[in-house]
Amino acid sequence: MTTEAIKTAVETRPFRPFTVRLTSGVQIQITAQDRIALHPEGKTFIVFEAGGGYRIVDIPLVTDMAVN
């Protein structure tokens, strides 16, 4: 998966929720634009989870992305 594909999904207006799948098989749902932040250098992104948690994801570990 490329940084540009993820960046496009994040910046699309109106925002459409999407899901990314990692090499481990874990799926992460991005439900709102304010729940994700891309690193300026495009190597990672942060997903802000309900309850105050967060997850840092290395973009090279993303194998698939589906717009919901």
PDB file of N, CA and C in Angstrom:
ATOM      1  N   MET A   1       0.858  -1.176   0.000  1.00  0.00           N
ATOM      2  CA  MET A   1       0.000   0.000   0.000  1.00  0.00           C
ATOM      3  C   MET A   1       0.893   1.223   0.000  1.00  0.00           C
ATOM      4  N   THR A   2       0.459   2.239  -0.725  1.00  0.00           N
ATOM      5  CA  THR A   2       1.273   3.443  -0.801  1.00  0.00           C
ATOM      6  C   THR A   2       0.766   4.517   0.144  1.00  0.00           C
ATOM      7  N   THR A   3       1.680   5.372   0.518  1.00  0.00           N
ATOM      8  CA  THR A   3       1.324   6.516   1.354  1.00  0.00           C
ATOM      9  C   THR A   3       0.294   7.384   0.643  1.00  0.00           C
ATOM     10  N   GLU A   4       0.444   7.551  -0.666  1.00  0.00           N
ATOM     11  CA  GLU A   4      -0.479   8.402  -1.427  1.00  0.00           C
ATOM     12  C   GLU A   4      -1.911   7.869  -1.375  1.00  0.00           C
ATOM     13  N   ALA A   5      -2.087   6.560  -1.445  1.00  0.00           N
ATOM     14  CA  ALA A   5      -3.432   5.981  -1.387  1.00  0.00           C
ATOM     15  C   ALA A   5      -4.086   6.262  -0.034  1.00  0.00           C
ATOM     16  N   ILE A   6      -3.319   6.122   1.025  1.00  0.00           N
ATOM     17  CA  ILE A   6      -3.859   6.397   2.362  1.00  0.00           C
ATOM     18  C   ILE A   6      -4.136   7.885   2.523  1.00  0.00           C
ATOM     19  N   LYS A   7      -3.211   8.712   2.057  1.00  0.00           N
ATOM     20  CA  LYS A   7      -3.397  10.160   2.139  1.00  0.00           C
ATOM     21  C   LYS A   7      -4.659  10.584   1.386  1.00  0.00           C
ATOM     22  N   THR A   8      -4.877  10.015   0.221  1.00  0.00           N
ATOM     23  CA  THR A   8      -6.077  10.331  -0.560  1.00  0.00           C
ATOM     24  C   THR A   8      -7.332   9.951   0.210  1.00  0.00           C
ATOM     25  N   ALA A   9      -7.339   8.764   0.826  1.00  0.00           N
ATOM     26  CA  ALA A   9      -8.507   8.329   1.604  1.00  0.00           C
ATOM     27  C   ALA A   9      -8.774   9.264   2.776  1.00  0.00           C
ATOM     28  N   VAL A  10      -7.718   9.728   3.425  1.00  0.00           N
ATOM     29  CA  VAL A  10      -7.871  10.625   4.582  1.00  0.00           C
ATOM     30  C   VAL A  10      -8.390  11.991   4.155  1.00  0.00           C
ATOM     31  N   GLU A  11      -7.934  12.476   3.010  1.00  0.00           N
ATOM     32  CA  GLU A  11      -8.261  13.836   2.582  1.00  0.00           C
ATOM     33  C   GLU A  11      -9.526  13.946   1.736  1.00  0.00           C
ATOM     34  N   THR A  12     -10.126  12.830   1.351  1.00  0.00           N
ATOM     35  CA  THR A  12     -11.335  12.858   0.527  1.00  0.00           C
ATOM     36  C   THR A  12     -12.468  13.556   1.275  1.00  0.00           C
ATOM     37  N   ARG A  13     -13.146  14.452   0.567  1.00  0.00           N
ATOM     38  CA  ARG A  13     -14.295  15.169   1.141  1.00  0.00           C
ATOM     39  C   ARG A  13     -15.513  14.902   0.285  1.00  0.00           C
ATOM     40  N   PRO A  14     -16.647  14.539   0.842  1.00  0.00           N
ATOM     41  CA  PRO A  14     -16.783  14.236   2.263  1.00  0.00           C
ATOM     42  C   PRO A  14     -16.024  12.953   2.610  1.00  0.00           C
ATOM     43  N   PHE A  15     -15.588  12.890   3.847  1.00  0.00           N
ATOM     44  CA  PHE A  15     -14.818  11.735   4.305  1.00  0.00           C
ATOM     45  C   PHE A  15     -15.663  10.473   4.216  1.00  0.00           C
ATOM     46  N   ARG A  16     -15.046   9.394   3.768  1.00  0.00           N
ATOM     47  CA  ARG A  16     -15.690   8.081   3.730  1.00  0.00           C
ATOM     48  C   ARG A  16     -14.873   7.132   4.594  1.00  0.00           C
ATOM     49  N   PRO A  17     -15.499   6.497   5.580  1.00  0.00           N
ATOM     50  CA  PRO A  17     -14.767   5.555   6.436  1.00  0.00           C
ATOM     51  C   PRO A  17     -14.076   4.489   5.589  1.00  0.00           C
ATOM     52  N   PHE A  18     -12.934   4.011   6.075  1.00  0.00           N
ATOM     53  CA  PHE A  18     -12.212   2.967   5.367  1.00  0.00           C
ATOM     54  C   PHE A  18     -11.535   2.035   6.358  1.00  0.00           C
ATOM     55  N   THR A  19     -11.126   0.889   5.857  1.00  0.00           N
ATOM     56  CA  THR A  19     -10.481  -0.136   6.672  1.00  0.00           C
ATOM     57  C   THR A  19      -9.152  -0.494   6.038  1.00  0.00           C
ATOM     58  N   VAL A  20      -8.117  -0.619   6.853  1.00  0.00           N
ATOM     59  CA  VAL A  20      -6.821  -1.091   6.360  1.00  0.00           C
ATOM     60  C   VAL A  20      -6.547  -2.461   6.988  1.00  0.00           C
ATOM     61  N   ARG A  21      -5.894  -3.308   6.218  1.00  0.00           N
ATOM     62  CA  ARG A  21      -5.500  -4.629   6.700  1.00  0.00           C
ATOM     63  C   ARG A  21      -3.976  -4.666   6.742  1.00  0.00           C
ATOM     64  N   LEU A  22      -3.438  -5.180   7.844  1.00  0.00           N
ATOM     65  CA  LEU A  22      -1.994  -5.264   8.018  1.00  0.00           C
ATOM     66  C   LEU A  22      -1.488  -6.656   7.635  1.00  0.00           C
ATOM     67  N   THR A  23      -0.181  -6.785   7.477  1.00  0.00           N
ATOM     68  CA  THR A  23       0.419  -8.068   7.132  1.00  0.00           C
ATOM     69  C   THR A  23       0.080  -9.146   8.156  1.00  0.00           C
ATOM     70  N   SER A  24      -0.194  -8.764   9.383  1.00  0.00           N
ATOM     71  CA  SER A  24      -0.552  -9.717  10.441  1.00  0.00           C
ATOM     72  C   SER A  24      -1.992 -10.201  10.329  1.00  0.00           C
ATOM     73  N   GLY A  25      -2.773  -9.584   9.442  1.00  0.00           N
ATOM     74  CA  GLY A  25      -4.188  -9.919   9.297  1.00  0.00           C
ATOM     75  C   GLY A  25      -5.101  -9.011  10.092  1.00  0.00           C
ATOM     76  N   VAL A  26      -4.547  -8.198  10.980  1.00  0.00           N
ATOM     77  CA  VAL A  26      -5.335  -7.262  11.772  1.00  0.00           C
ATOM     78  C   VAL A  26      -5.981  -6.233  10.842  1.00  0.00           C
ATOM     79  N   GLN A  27      -7.254  -5.943  11.088  1.00  0.00           N
ATOM     80  CA  GLN A  27      -7.957  -4.910  10.340  1.00  0.00           C
ATOM     81  C   GLN A  27      -8.220  -3.724  11.256  1.00  0.00           C
ATOM     82  N   ILE A  28      -7.983  -2.530  10.743  1.00  0.00           N
ATOM     83  CA  ILE A  28      -8.196  -1.314  11.511  1.00  0.00           C
ATOM     84  C   ILE A  28      -9.205  -0.454  10.765  1.00  0.00           C
ATOM     85  N   GLN A  29     -10.287  -0.114  11.449  1.00  0.00           N
ATOM     86  CA  GLN A  29     -11.309   0.731  10.844  1.00  0.00           C
ATOM     87  C   GLN A  29     -11.038   2.185  11.171  1.00  0.00           C
ATOM     88  N   ILE A  30     -11.061   3.007  10.144  1.00  0.00           N
ATOM     89  CA  ILE A  30     -10.912   4.455  10.305  1.00  0.00           C
ATOM     90  C   ILE A  30     -12.298   5.036  10.092  1.00  0.00           C
ATOM     91  N   THR A  31     -12.917   5.483  11.166  1.00  0.00           N
ATOM     92  CA  THR A  31     -14.324   5.883  11.103  1.00  0.00           C
ATOM     93  C   THR A  31     -14.547   7.371  10.876  1.00  0.00           C
ATOM     94  N   ALA A  32     -13.518   8.179  11.107  1.00  0.00           N
ATOM     95  CA  ALA A  32     -13.657   9.625  10.939  1.00  0.00           C
ATOM     96  C   ALA A  32     -12.286  10.231  10.666  1.00  0.00           C
ATOM     97  N   GLN A  33     -12.273  11.354   9.962  1.00  0.00           N
ATOM     98  CA  GLN A  33     -11.009  11.983   9.599  1.00  0.00           C
ATOM     99  C   GLN A  33     -10.203  12.399  10.819  1.00  0.00           C
ATOM    100  N   ASP A  34     -10.868  12.791  11.892  1.00  0.00           N
ATOM    101  CA  ASP A  34     -10.133  13.219  13.081  1.00  0.00           C
ATOM    102  C   ASP A  34      -9.609  12.046  13.908  1.00  0.00           C
ATOM    103  N   ARG A  35      -9.779  10.819  13.420  1.00  0.00           N
ATOM    104  CA  ARG A  35      -9.278   9.620  14.098  1.00  0.00           C
ATOM    105  C   ARG A  35      -7.963   9.116  13.511  1.00  0.00           C
ATOM    106  N   ILE A  36      -7.403   9.838  12.510  1.00  0.00           N
ATOM    107  CA  ILE A  36      -6.166   9.402  11.875  1.00  0.00           C
ATOM    108  C   ILE A  36      -5.277  10.605  11.599  1.00  0.00           C
ATOM    109  N   ALA A  37      -3.977  10.428  11.753  1.00  0.00           N
ATOM    110  CA  ALA A  37      -3.000  11.476  11.451  1.00  0.00           C
ATOM    111  C   ALA A  37      -1.814  10.829  10.737  1.00  0.00           C
ATOM    112  N   LEU A  38      -1.459  11.362   9.573  1.00  0.00           N
ATOM    113  CA  LEU A  38      -0.307  10.875   8.817  1.00  0.00           C
ATOM    114  C   LEU A  38       0.946  11.608   9.254  1.00  0.00           C
ATOM    115  N   HIS A  39       2.030  10.889   9.396  1.00  0.00           N
ATOM    116  CA  HIS A  39       3.314  11.517   9.691  1.00  0.00           C
ATOM    117  C   HIS A  39       3.723  12.351   8.473  1.00  0.00           C
ATOM    118  N   PRO A  40       4.307  13.526   8.677  1.00  0.00           N
ATOM    119  CA  PRO A  40       4.691  14.380   7.540  1.00  0.00           C
ATOM    120  C   PRO A  40       5.613  13.703   6.521  1.00  0.00           C
ATOM    121  N   GLU A  41       6.440  12.755   6.963  1.00  0.00           N
ATOM    122  CA  GLU A  41       7.332  12.068   6.033  1.00  0.00           C
ATOM    123  C   GLU A  41       6.667  10.856   5.382  1.00  0.00           C
ATOM    124  N   GLY A  42       5.436  10.536   5.796  1.00  0.00           N
ATOM    125  CA  GLY A  42       4.659   9.500   5.144  1.00  0.00           C
ATOM    126  C   GLY A  42       5.065   8.074   5.402  1.00  0.00           C
ATOM    127  N   LYS A  43       5.734   7.813   6.508  1.00  0.00           N
ATOM    128  CA  LYS A  43       6.159   6.442   6.795  1.00  0.00           C
ATOM    129  C   LYS A  43       5.242   5.736   7.787  1.00  0.00           C
ATOM    130  N   THR A  44       4.515   6.517   8.575  1.00  0.00           N
ATOM    131  CA  THR A  44       3.610   5.963   9.582  1.00  0.00           C
ATOM    132  C   THR A  44       2.344   6.802   9.653  1.00  0.00           C
ATOM    133  N   PHE A  45       1.334   6.230  10.292  1.00  0.00           N
ATOM    134  CA  PHE A  45       0.165   7.023  10.659  1.00  0.00           C
ATOM    135  C   PHE A  45      -0.292   6.584  12.041  1.00  0.00           C
ATOM    136  N   ILE A  46      -1.028   7.452  12.709  1.00  0.00           N
ATOM    137  CA  ILE A  46      -1.558   7.183  14.041  1.00  0.00           C
ATOM    138  C   ILE A  46      -3.065   7.102  13.934  1.00  0.00           C
ATOM    139  N   VAL A  47      -3.626   6.076  14.541  1.00  0.00           N
ATOM    140  CA  VAL A  47      -5.070   5.926  14.625  1.00  0.00           C
ATOM    141  C   VAL A  47      -5.453   6.169  16.076  1.00  0.00           C
ATOM    142  N   PHE A  48      -6.330   7.140  16.300  1.00  0.00           N
ATOM    143  CA  PHE A  48      -6.800   7.463  17.645  1.00  0.00           C
ATOM    144  C   PHE A  48      -8.041   6.626  17.921  1.00  0.00           C
ATOM    145  N   GLU A  49      -7.961   5.775  18.946  1.00  0.00           N
ATOM    146  CA  GLU A  49      -9.030   4.836  19.256  1.00  0.00           C
ATOM    147  C   GLU A  49      -9.959   5.390  20.325  1.00  0.00           C
ATOM    148  N   ALA A  50     -11.158   4.825  20.377  1.00  0.00           N
ATOM    149  CA  ALA A  50     -12.132   5.219  21.399  1.00  0.00           C
ATOM    150  C   ALA A  50     -11.536   4.953  22.772  1.00  0.00           C
ATOM    151  N   GLY A  51     -11.850   5.786  23.712  1.00  0.00           N
ATOM    152  CA  GLY A  51     -11.370   5.615  25.070  1.00  0.00           C
ATOM    153  C   GLY A  51      -9.998   6.211  25.323  1.00  0.00           C
ATOM    154  N   GLY A  52      -9.428   6.906  24.322  1.00  0.00           N
ATOM    155  CA  GLY A  52      -8.169   7.598  24.523  1.00  0.00           C
ATOM    156  C   GLY A  52      -6.932   6.853  24.068  1.00  0.00           C
ATOM    157  N   GLY A  53      -7.080   5.640  23.581  1.00  0.00           N
ATOM    158  CA  GLY A  53      -5.922   4.888  23.110  1.00  0.00           C
ATOM    159  C   GLY A  53      -5.508   5.319  21.708  1.00  0.00           C
ATOM    160  N   TYR A  54      -4.374   4.821  21.273  1.00  0.00           N
ATOM    161  CA  TYR A  54      -3.920   5.089  19.917  1.00  0.00           C
ATOM    162  C   TYR A  54      -3.060   3.946  19.433  1.00  0.00           C
ATOM    163  N   ARG A  55      -2.886   3.886  18.124  1.00  0.00           N
ATOM    164  CA  ARG A  55      -2.099   2.835  17.491  1.00  0.00           C
ATOM    165  C   ARG A  55      -1.228   3.497  16.433  1.00  0.00           C
ATOM    166  N   ILE A  56       0.061   3.209  16.441  1.00  0.00           N
ATOM    167  CA  ILE A  56       0.977   3.716  15.417  1.00  0.00           C
ATOM    168  C   ILE A  56       1.197   2.595  14.411  1.00  0.00           C
ATOM    169  N   VAL A  57       0.985   2.907  13.137  1.00  0.00           N
ATOM    170  CA  VAL A  57       1.058   1.900  12.079  1.00  0.00           C
ATOM    171  C   VAL A  57       2.140   2.280  11.074  1.00  0.00           C
ATOM    172  N   ASP A  58       3.021   1.329  10.771  1.00  0.00           N
ATOM    173  CA  ASP A  58       4.005   1.517   9.706  1.00  0.00           C
ATOM    174  C   ASP A  58       3.299   1.261   8.379  1.00  0.00           C
ATOM    175  N   ILE A  59       3.316   2.235   7.484  1.00  0.00           N
ATOM    176  CA  ILE A  59       2.598   2.104   6.226  1.00  0.00           C
ATOM    177  C   ILE A  59       3.058   0.890   5.407  1.00  0.00           C
ATOM    178  N   PRO A  60       4.347   0.512   5.389  1.00  0.00           N
ATOM    179  CA  PRO A  60       4.720  -0.692   4.633  1.00  0.00           C
ATOM    180  C   PRO A  60       4.034  -1.982   5.129  1.00  0.00           C
ATOM    181  N   LEU A  61       3.457  -1.969   6.333  1.00  0.00           N
ATOM    182  CA  LEU A  61       2.764  -3.151   6.841  1.00  0.00           C
ATOM    183  C   LEU A  61       1.314  -3.233   6.381  1.00  0.00           C
ATOM    184  N   VAL A  62       0.824  -2.204   5.689  1.00  0.00           N
ATOM    185  CA  VAL A  62      -0.548  -2.196   5.180  1.00  0.00           C
ATOM    186  C   VAL A  62      -0.570  -2.951   3.855  1.00  0.00           C
ATOM    187  N   THR A  63      -1.400  -3.995   3.790  1.00  0.00           N
ATOM    188  CA  THR A  63      -1.485  -4.818   2.577  1.00  0.00           C
ATOM    189  C   THR A  63      -2.708  -4.517   1.751  1.00  0.00           C
ATOM    190  N   ASP A  64      -3.750  -3.948   2.359  1.00  0.00           N
ATOM    191  CA  ASP A  64      -5.001  -3.754   1.653  1.00  0.00           C
ATOM    192  C   ASP A  64      -5.776  -2.614   2.309  1.00  0.00           C
ATOM    193  N   MET A  65      -6.564  -1.928   1.500  1.00  0.00           N
ATOM    194  CA  MET A  65      -7.409  -0.866   2.020  1.00  0.00           C
ATOM    195  C   MET A  65      -8.752  -0.950   1.317  1.00  0.00           C
ATOM    196  N   ALA A  66      -9.837  -0.843   2.066  1.00  0.00           N
ATOM    197  CA  ALA A  66     -11.178  -0.878   1.491  1.00  0.00           C
ATOM    198  C   ALA A  66     -11.982   0.300   2.022  1.00  0.00           C
ATOM    199  N   VAL A  67     -12.585   1.028   1.103  1.00  0.00           N
ATOM    200  CA  VAL A  67     -13.465   2.132   1.501  1.00  0.00           C
ATOM    201  C   VAL A  67     -14.817   1.535   1.834  1.00  0.00           C
ATOM    202  N   ASN A  68     -15.332   1.857   3.019  1.00  0.00           N
ATOM    203  CA  ASN A  68     -16.597   1.264   3.486  1.00  0.00           C
ATOM    204  C   ASN A  68     -17.788   1.958   2.888  1.00  0.00           C
TER     205      ASN A  68
END
